[in-house]
Amino acid sequence: MGIQFKKNQIYFQDVVNVEEAETLLEWLQKKTAAKADFSACIHLHPANLQVLMAARPTITAWPADTQFSAWLRSALGTPEHH
């Protein structure tokens, strides 16, 4: 699985597939102060991105890949220098 849930923190790892979007949505609906770590993520299916765009968790770490990170920051409305 590409997502690990621990308390109020979500860890996105490797490839996060479409099958994980529903679980992500359900978890985020229960967590008002959710935080997301993308440091080990290399691909995020757009269905998961849509969930994140709606939920707006605090991002604690961005992907190591600069292009993926820039795309994700742009989609989530977070400036590059943040």
PDB file of N, CA and C in Angstrom:
ATOM      1  N   MET A   1       0.835  -1.180   0.000  1.00  0.00           N
ATOM      2  CA  MET A   1       0.000   0.000   0.000  1.00  0.00           C
ATOM      3  C   MET A   1       0.881   1.244   0.000  1.00  0.00           C
ATOM      4  N   GLY A   2       0.495   2.263  -0.762  1.00  0.00           N
ATOM      5  CA  GLY A   2       1.276   3.471  -0.901  1.00  0.00           C
ATOM      6  C   GLY A   2       1.009   4.513   0.160  1.00  0.00           C
ATOM      7  N   ILE A   3       0.070   4.246   1.069  1.00  0.00           N
ATOM      8  CA  ILE A   3      -0.231   5.201   2.129  1.00  0.00           C
ATOM      9  C   ILE A   3      -0.175   4.505   3.482  1.00  0.00           C
ATOM     10  N   GLN A   4       0.478   5.170   4.448  1.00  0.00           N
ATOM     11  CA  GLN A   4       0.464   4.703   5.831  1.00  0.00           C
ATOM     12  C   GLN A   4      -0.153   5.802   6.676  1.00  0.00           C
ATOM     13  N   PHE A   5      -1.053   5.408   7.563  1.00  0.00           N
ATOM     14  CA  PHE A   5      -1.723   6.351   8.442  1.00  0.00           C
ATOM     15  C   PHE A   5      -1.220   6.151   9.865  1.00  0.00           C
ATOM     16  N   LYS A   6      -0.763   7.224  10.501  1.00  0.00           N
ATOM     17  CA  LYS A   6      -0.297   7.165  11.892  1.00  0.00           C
ATOM     18  C   LYS A   6      -0.790   8.406  12.616  1.00  0.00           C
ATOM     19  N   LYS A   7      -1.680   8.214  13.573  1.00  0.00           N
ATOM     20  CA  LYS A   7      -2.283   9.313  14.332  1.00  0.00           C
ATOM     21  C   LYS A   7      -2.839  10.350  13.359  1.00  0.00           C
ATOM     22  N   ASN A   8      -2.258  11.552  13.323  1.00  0.00           N
ATOM     23  CA  ASN A   8      -2.729  12.601  12.408  1.00  0.00           C
ATOM     24  C   ASN A   8      -1.823  12.775  11.193  1.00  0.00           C
ATOM     25  N   GLN A   9      -0.924  11.824  10.960  1.00  0.00           N
ATOM     26  CA  GLN A   9       0.049  11.938   9.873  1.00  0.00           C
ATOM     27  C   GLN A   9      -0.214  10.886   8.795  1.00  0.00           C
ATOM     28  N   ILE A  10      -0.138  11.338   7.545  1.00  0.00           N
ATOM     29  CA  ILE A  10      -0.247  10.430   6.392  1.00  0.00           C
ATOM     30  C   ILE A  10       1.128  10.382   5.740  1.00  0.00           C
ATOM     31  N   TYR A  11       1.613   9.177   5.471  1.00  0.00           N
ATOM     32  CA  TYR A  11       2.881   8.999   4.771  1.00  0.00           C
ATOM     33  C   TYR A  11       2.589   8.395   3.400  1.00  0.00           C
ATOM     34  N   PHE A  12       2.911   9.152   2.348  1.00  0.00           N
ATOM     35  CA  PHE A  12       2.736   8.671   0.983  1.00  0.00           C
ATOM     36  C   PHE A  12       4.058   8.061   0.543  1.00  0.00           C
ATOM     37  N   GLN A  13       3.999   6.795   0.080  1.00  0.00           N
ATOM     38  CA  GLN A  13       5.222   6.088  -0.281  1.00  0.00           C
ATOM     39  C   GLN A  13       5.102   5.471  -1.662  1.00  0.00           C
ATOM     40  N   ASP A  14       6.192   5.575  -2.408  1.00  0.00           N
ATOM     41  CA  ASP A  14       6.283   4.985  -3.742  1.00  0.00           C
ATOM     42  C   ASP A  14       5.116   5.449  -4.614  1.00  0.00           C
ATOM     43  N   VAL A  15       4.356   4.498  -5.152  1.00  0.00           N
ATOM     44  CA  VAL A  15       3.240   4.795  -6.050  1.00  0.00           C
ATOM     45  C   VAL A  15       1.928   4.699  -5.274  1.00  0.00           C
ATOM     46  N   VAL A  16       1.136   5.772  -5.312  1.00  0.00           N
ATOM     47  CA  VAL A  16      -0.165   5.797  -4.643  1.00  0.00           C
ATOM     48  C   VAL A  16      -1.228   5.665  -5.722  1.00  0.00           C
ATOM     49  N   ASN A  17      -1.909   4.521  -5.739  1.00  0.00           N
ATOM     50  CA  ASN A  17      -2.853   4.173  -6.800  1.00  0.00           C
ATOM     51  C   ASN A  17      -4.266   4.696  -6.538  1.00  0.00           C
ATOM     52  N   VAL A  18      -5.093   4.602  -7.554  1.00  0.00           N
ATOM     53  CA  VAL A  18      -6.481   5.058  -7.483  1.00  0.00           C
ATOM     54  C   VAL A  18      -7.265   4.311  -6.410  1.00  0.00           C
ATOM     55  N   GLU A  19      -6.946   3.061  -6.176  1.00  0.00           N
ATOM     56  CA  GLU A  19      -7.668   2.247  -5.191  1.00  0.00           C
ATOM     57  C   GLU A  19      -7.569   2.815  -3.772  1.00  0.00           C
ATOM     58  N   GLU A  20      -6.591   3.654  -3.549  1.00  0.00           N
ATOM     59  CA  GLU A  20      -6.369   4.191  -2.203  1.00  0.00           C
ATOM     60  C   GLU A  20      -7.129   5.489  -1.934  1.00  0.00           C
ATOM     61  N   ALA A  21      -7.745   6.071  -2.948  1.00  0.00           N
ATOM     62  CA  ALA A  21      -8.422   7.361  -2.801  1.00  0.00           C
ATOM     63  C   ALA A  21      -9.587   7.308  -1.816  1.00  0.00           C
ATOM     64  N   GLU A  22     -10.371   6.268  -1.854  1.00  0.00           N
ATOM     65  CA  GLU A  22     -11.525   6.180  -0.960  1.00  0.00           C
ATOM     66  C   GLU A  22     -11.090   6.075   0.502  1.00  0.00           C
ATOM     67  N   THR A  23     -10.077   5.266   0.763  1.00  0.00           N
ATOM     68  CA  THR A  23      -9.554   5.126   2.122  1.00  0.00           C
ATOM     69  C   THR A  23      -8.980   6.456   2.602  1.00  0.00           C
ATOM     70  N   LEU A  24      -8.252   7.146   1.713  1.00  0.00           N
ATOM     71  CA  LEU A  24      -7.692   8.452   2.044  1.00  0.00           C
ATOM     72  C   LEU A  24      -8.803   9.441   2.388  1.00  0.00           C
ATOM     73  N   LEU A  25      -9.829   9.481   1.587  1.00  0.00           N
ATOM     74  CA  LEU A  25     -10.953  10.380   1.838  1.00  0.00           C
ATOM     75  C   LEU A  25     -11.604  10.103   3.188  1.00  0.00           C
ATOM     76  N   GLU A  26     -11.881   8.851   3.460  1.00  0.00           N
ATOM     77  CA  GLU A  26     -12.522   8.473   4.731  1.00  0.00           C
ATOM     78  C   GLU A  26     -11.651   8.869   5.918  1.00  0.00           C
ATOM     79  N   TRP A  27     -10.346   8.655   5.812  1.00  0.00           N
ATOM     80  CA  TRP A  27      -9.434   8.986   6.901  1.00  0.00           C
ATOM     81  C   TRP A  27      -9.387  10.494   7.114  1.00  0.00           C
ATOM     82  N   LEU A  28      -9.277  11.253   6.021  1.00  0.00           N
ATOM     83  CA  LEU A  28      -9.186  12.707   6.131  1.00  0.00           C
ATOM     84  C   LEU A  28     -10.466  13.335   6.673  1.00  0.00           C
ATOM     85  N   GLN A  29     -11.593  12.719   6.416  1.00  0.00           N
ATOM     86  CA  GLN A  29     -12.851  13.240   6.938  1.00  0.00           C
ATOM     87  C   GLN A  29     -12.917  13.132   8.461  1.00  0.00           C
ATOM     88  N   LYS A  30     -12.149  12.228   9.031  1.00  0.00           N
ATOM     89  CA  LYS A  30     -12.131  12.025  10.480  1.00  0.00           C
ATOM     90  C   LYS A  30     -11.037  12.833  11.171  1.00  0.00           C
ATOM     91  N   LYS A  31     -10.098  13.364  10.398  1.00  0.00           N
ATOM     92  CA  LYS A  31      -8.933  14.067  10.963  1.00  0.00           C
ATOM     93  C   LYS A  31      -8.944  15.525  10.530  1.00  0.00           C
ATOM     94  N   THR A  32      -9.240  16.411  11.451  1.00  0.00           N
ATOM     95  CA  THR A  32      -9.294  17.828  11.095  1.00  0.00           C
ATOM     96  C   THR A  32      -7.911  18.475  11.030  1.00  0.00           C
ATOM     97  N   ALA A  33      -6.942  17.905  11.706  1.00  0.00           N
ATOM     98  CA  ALA A  33      -5.590  18.476  11.727  1.00  0.00           C
ATOM     99  C   ALA A  33      -4.590  17.543  11.045  1.00  0.00           C
ATOM    100  N   ALA A  34      -4.971  16.966   9.939  1.00  0.00           N
ATOM    101  CA  ALA A  34      -4.117  16.002   9.246  1.00  0.00           C
ATOM    102  C   ALA A  34      -2.872  16.661   8.653  1.00  0.00           C
ATOM    103  N   LYS A  35      -1.791  15.877   8.655  1.00  0.00           N
ATOM    104  CA  LYS A  35      -0.527  16.302   8.055  1.00  0.00           C
ATOM    105  C   LYS A  35      -0.100  15.241   7.048  1.00  0.00           C
ATOM    106  N   ALA A  36       0.539  15.691   5.973  1.00  0.00           N
ATOM    107  CA  ALA A  36       0.933  14.770   4.907  1.00  0.00           C
ATOM    108  C   ALA A  36       2.423  14.866   4.618  1.00  0.00           C
ATOM    109  N   ASP A  37       3.055  13.701   4.473  1.00  0.00           N
ATOM    110  CA  ASP A  37       4.483  13.597   4.167  1.00  0.00           C
ATOM    111  C   ASP A  37       4.634  12.885   2.826  1.00  0.00           C
ATOM    112  N   PHE A  38       5.166  13.597   1.834  1.00  0.00           N
ATOM    113  CA  PHE A  38       5.348  13.053   0.489  1.00  0.00           C
ATOM    114  C   PHE A  38       6.797  12.704   0.194  1.00  0.00           C
ATOM    115  N   SER A  39       7.666  12.741   1.185  1.00  0.00           N
ATOM    116  CA  SER A  39       9.101  12.583   0.934  1.00  0.00           C
ATOM    117  C   SER A  39       9.476  11.279   0.232  1.00  0.00           C
ATOM    118  N   ALA A  40       8.710  10.218   0.429  1.00  0.00           N
ATOM    119  CA  ALA A  40       9.024   8.927  -0.202  1.00  0.00           C
ATOM    120  C   ALA A  40       8.090   8.606  -1.368  1.00  0.00           C
ATOM    121  N   CYS A  41       7.307   9.576  -1.800  1.00  0.00           N
ATOM    122  CA  CYS A  41       6.324   9.347  -2.868  1.00  0.00           C
ATOM    123  C   CYS A  41       6.927   9.664  -4.233  1.00  0.00           C
ATOM    124  N   ILE A  42       6.677   8.783  -5.203  1.00  0.00           N
ATOM    125  CA  ILE A  42       7.165   9.026  -6.564  1.00  0.00           C
ATOM    126  C   ILE A  42       6.034   9.210  -7.573  1.00  0.00           C
ATOM    127  N   HIS A  43       4.805   8.815  -7.194  1.00  0.00           N
ATOM    128  CA  HIS A  43       3.648   8.994  -8.085  1.00  0.00           C
ATOM    129  C   HIS A  43       2.375   9.037  -7.252  1.00  0.00           C
ATOM    130  N   LEU A  44       1.498   9.980  -7.582  1.00  0.00           N
ATOM    131  CA  LEU A  44       0.224  10.125  -6.895  1.00  0.00           C
ATOM    132  C   LEU A  44      -0.883  10.142  -7.934  1.00  0.00           C
ATOM    133  N   HIS A  45      -1.791   9.185  -7.869  1.00  0.00           N
ATOM    134  CA  HIS A  45      -2.899   9.141  -8.826  1.00  0.00           C
ATOM    135  C   HIS A  45      -3.755  10.395  -8.642  1.00  0.00           C
ATOM    136  N   PRO A  46      -4.248  10.984  -9.735  1.00  0.00           N
ATOM    137  CA  PRO A  46      -5.061  12.200  -9.651  1.00  0.00           C
ATOM    138  C   PRO A  46      -6.285  12.096  -8.739  1.00  0.00           C
ATOM    139  N   ALA A  47      -6.848  10.924  -8.557  1.00  0.00           N
ATOM    140  CA  ALA A  47      -7.993  10.776  -7.648  1.00  0.00           C
ATOM    141  C   ALA A  47      -7.575  11.127  -6.221  1.00  0.00           C
ATOM    142  N   ASN A  48      -6.373  10.734  -5.839  1.00  0.00           N
ATOM    143  CA  ASN A  48      -5.853  11.068  -4.510  1.00  0.00           C
ATOM    144  C   ASN A  48      -5.558  12.563  -4.415  1.00  0.00           C
ATOM    145  N   LEU A  49      -5.067  13.134  -5.501  1.00  0.00           N
ATOM    146  CA  LEU A  49      -4.796  14.573  -5.525  1.00  0.00           C
ATOM    147  C   LEU A  49      -6.090  15.360  -5.313  1.00  0.00           C
ATOM    148  N   GLN A  50      -7.169  14.930  -5.943  1.00  0.00           N
ATOM    149  CA  GLN A  50      -8.459  15.609  -5.770  1.00  0.00           C
ATOM    150  C   GLN A  50      -8.913  15.573  -4.309  1.00  0.00           C
ATOM    151  N   VAL A  51      -8.717  14.447  -3.659  1.00  0.00           N
ATOM    152  CA  VAL A  51      -9.070  14.328  -2.238  1.00  0.00           C
ATOM    153  C   VAL A  51      -8.232  15.315  -1.422  1.00  0.00           C
ATOM    154  N   LEU A  52      -6.951  15.383  -1.714  1.00  0.00           N
ATOM    155  CA  LEU A  52      -6.060  16.288  -0.982  1.00  0.00           C
ATOM    156  C   LEU A  52      -6.395  17.754  -1.242  1.00  0.00           C
ATOM    157  N   MET A  53      -6.779  18.071  -2.470  1.00  0.00           N
ATOM    158  CA  MET A  53      -7.151  19.439  -2.800  1.00  0.00           C
ATOM    159  C   MET A  53      -8.383  19.870  -2.007  1.00  0.00           C
ATOM    160  N   ALA A  54      -9.287  18.954  -1.778  1.00  0.00           N
ATOM    161  CA  ALA A  54     -10.500  19.260  -1.016  1.00  0.00           C
ATOM    162  C   ALA A  54     -10.220  19.321   0.486  1.00  0.00           C
ATOM    163  N   ALA A  55      -9.395  18.408   0.980  1.00  0.00           N
ATOM    164  CA  ALA A  55      -9.155  18.301   2.427  1.00  0.00           C
ATOM    165  C   ALA A  55      -8.130  19.309   2.947  1.00  0.00           C
ATOM    166  N   ARG A  56      -7.169  19.680   2.124  1.00  0.00           N
ATOM    167  CA  ARG A  56      -6.128  20.627   2.490  1.00  0.00           C
ATOM    168  C   ARG A  56      -5.347  20.281   3.762  1.00  0.00           C
ATOM    169  N   PRO A  57      -4.731  19.095   3.814  1.00  0.00           N
ATOM    170  CA  PRO A  57      -3.907  18.781   4.986  1.00  0.00           C
ATOM    171  C   PRO A  57      -2.635  19.637   4.976  1.00  0.00           C
ATOM    172  N   THR A  58      -2.017  19.772   6.115  1.00  0.00           N
ATOM    173  CA  THR A  58      -0.729  20.472   6.203  1.00  0.00           C
ATOM    174  C   THR A  58       0.343  19.554   5.617  1.00  0.00           C
ATOM    175  N   ILE A  59       1.161  20.091   4.726  1.00  0.00           N
ATOM    176  CA  ILE A  59       2.231  19.292   4.111  1.00  0.00           C
ATOM    177  C   ILE A  59       3.492  19.453   4.953  1.00  0.00           C
ATOM    178  N   THR A  60       4.013  18.336   5.441  1.00  0.00           N
ATOM    179  CA  THR A  60       5.223  18.382   6.267  1.00  0.00           C
ATOM    180  C   THR A  60       6.483  18.081   5.471  1.00  0.00           C
ATOM    181  N   ALA A  61       6.344  17.387   4.336  1.00  0.00           N
ATOM    182  CA  ALA A  61       7.500  17.079   3.483  1.00  0.00           C
ATOM    183  C   ALA A  61       7.025  16.865   2.050  1.00  0.00           C
ATOM    184  N   TRP A  62       7.753  17.450   1.113  1.00  0.00           N
ATOM    185  CA  TRP A  62       7.426  17.335  -0.313  1.00  0.00           C
ATOM    186  C   TRP A  62       8.256  16.229  -0.953  1.00  0.00           C
ATOM    187  N   PRO A  63       7.865  15.761  -2.135  1.00  0.00           N
ATOM    188  CA  PRO A  63       8.634  14.721  -2.828  1.00  0.00           C
ATOM    189  C   PRO A  63      10.053  15.184  -3.152  1.00  0.00           C
ATOM    190  N   ALA A  64      10.956  14.237  -3.203  1.00  0.00           N
ATOM    191  CA  ALA A  64      12.350  14.545  -3.536  1.00  0.00           C
ATOM    192  C   ALA A  64      12.488  14.963  -4.999  1.00  0.00           C
ATOM    193  N   ASP A  65      11.698  14.379  -5.873  1.00  0.00           N
ATOM    194  CA  ASP A  65      11.733  14.706  -7.302  1.00  0.00           C
ATOM    195  C   ASP A  65      11.234  16.140  -7.498  1.00  0.00           C
ATOM    196  N   THR A  66      12.076  17.000  -8.072  1.00  0.00           N
ATOM    197  CA  THR A  66      11.729  18.422  -8.181  1.00  0.00           C
ATOM    198  C   THR A  66      10.529  18.681  -9.084  1.00  0.00           C
ATOM    199  N   GLN A  67      10.411  17.953 -10.188  1.00  0.00           N
ATOM    200  CA  GLN A  67       9.268  18.156 -11.086  1.00  0.00           C
ATOM    201  C   GLN A  67       7.966  17.711 -10.429  1.00  0.00           C
ATOM    202  N   PHE A  68       7.999  16.562  -9.789  1.00  0.00           N
ATOM    203  CA  PHE A  68       6.814  16.058  -9.098  1.00  0.00           C
ATOM    204  C   PHE A  68       6.437  16.996  -7.956  1.00  0.00           C
ATOM    205  N   SER A  69       7.429  17.471  -7.235  1.00  0.00           N
ATOM    206  CA  SER A  69       7.191  18.393  -6.133  1.00  0.00           C
ATOM    207  C   SER A  69       6.561  19.691  -6.633  1.00  0.00           C
ATOM    208  N   ALA A  70       7.092  20.236  -7.715  1.00  0.00           N
ATOM    209  CA  ALA A  70       6.551  21.482  -8.286  1.00  0.00           C
ATOM    210  C   ALA A  70       5.108  21.287  -8.743  1.00  0.00           C
ATOM    211  N   TRP A  71       4.820  20.143  -9.376  1.00  0.00           N
ATOM    212  CA  TRP A  71       3.461  19.832  -9.823  1.00  0.00           C
ATOM    213  C   TRP A  71       2.513  19.745  -8.634  1.00  0.00           C
ATOM    214  N   LEU A  72       2.945  19.059  -7.599  1.00  0.00           N
ATOM    215  CA  LEU A  72       2.122  18.872  -6.418  1.00  0.00           C
ATOM    216  C   LEU A  72       1.895  20.206  -5.692  1.00  0.00           C
ATOM    217  N   ARG A  73       2.947  21.001  -5.556  1.00  0.00           N
ATOM    218  CA  ARG A  73       2.820  22.318  -4.922  1.00  0.00           C
ATOM    219  C   ARG A  73       1.853  23.196  -5.703  1.00  0.00           C
ATOM    220  N   SER A  74       1.956  23.150  -7.006  1.00  0.00           N
ATOM    221  CA  SER A  74       1.070  23.954  -7.864  1.00  0.00           C
ATOM    222  C   SER A  74      -0.382  23.514  -7.693  1.00  0.00           C
ATOM    223  N   ALA A  75      -0.614  22.223  -7.690  1.00  0.00           N
ATOM    224  CA  ALA A  75      -1.977  21.685  -7.582  1.00  0.00           C
ATOM    225  C   ALA A  75      -2.583  21.967  -6.217  1.00  0.00           C
ATOM    226  N   LEU A  76      -1.767  21.961  -5.182  1.00  0.00           N
ATOM    227  CA  LEU A  76      -2.271  22.181  -3.839  1.00  0.00           C
ATOM    228  C   LEU A  76      -2.219  23.652  -3.428  1.00  0.00           C
ATOM    229  N   GLY A  77      -1.770  24.499  -4.361  1.00  0.00           N
ATOM    230  CA  GLY A  77      -1.778  25.939  -4.110  1.00  0.00           C
ATOM    231  C   GLY A  77      -0.761  26.406  -3.097  1.00  0.00           C
ATOM    232  N   THR A  78       0.370  25.711  -3.027  1.00  0.00           N
ATOM    233  CA  THR A  78       1.425  26.063  -2.077  1.00  0.00           C
ATOM    234  C   THR A  78       2.613  26.630  -2.838  1.00  0.00           C
ATOM    235  N   PRO A  79       3.103  27.797  -2.466  1.00  0.00           N
ATOM    236  CA  PRO A  79       4.226  28.389  -3.174  1.00  0.00           C
ATOM    237  C   PRO A  79       5.512  27.551  -3.056  1.00  0.00           C
ATOM    238  N   GLU A  80       6.357  27.665  -4.052  1.00  0.00           N
ATOM    239  CA  GLU A  80       7.619  26.927  -4.136  1.00  0.00           C
ATOM    240  C   GLU A  80       8.497  27.165  -2.930  1.00  0.00           C
ATOM    241  N   HIS A  81       8.557  28.372  -2.436  1.00  0.00           N
ATOM    242  CA  HIS A  81       9.494  28.703  -1.355  1.00  0.00           C
ATOM    243  C   HIS A  81       8.949  28.372   0.016  1.00  0.00           C
ATOM    244  N   HIS A  82       7.802  27.772   0.122  1.00  0.00           N
ATOM    245  CA  HIS A  82       7.183  27.451   1.413  1.00  0.00           C
ATOM    246  C   HIS A  82       7.894  26.330   2.115  1.00  0.00           C
TER     247      HIS A  82
END
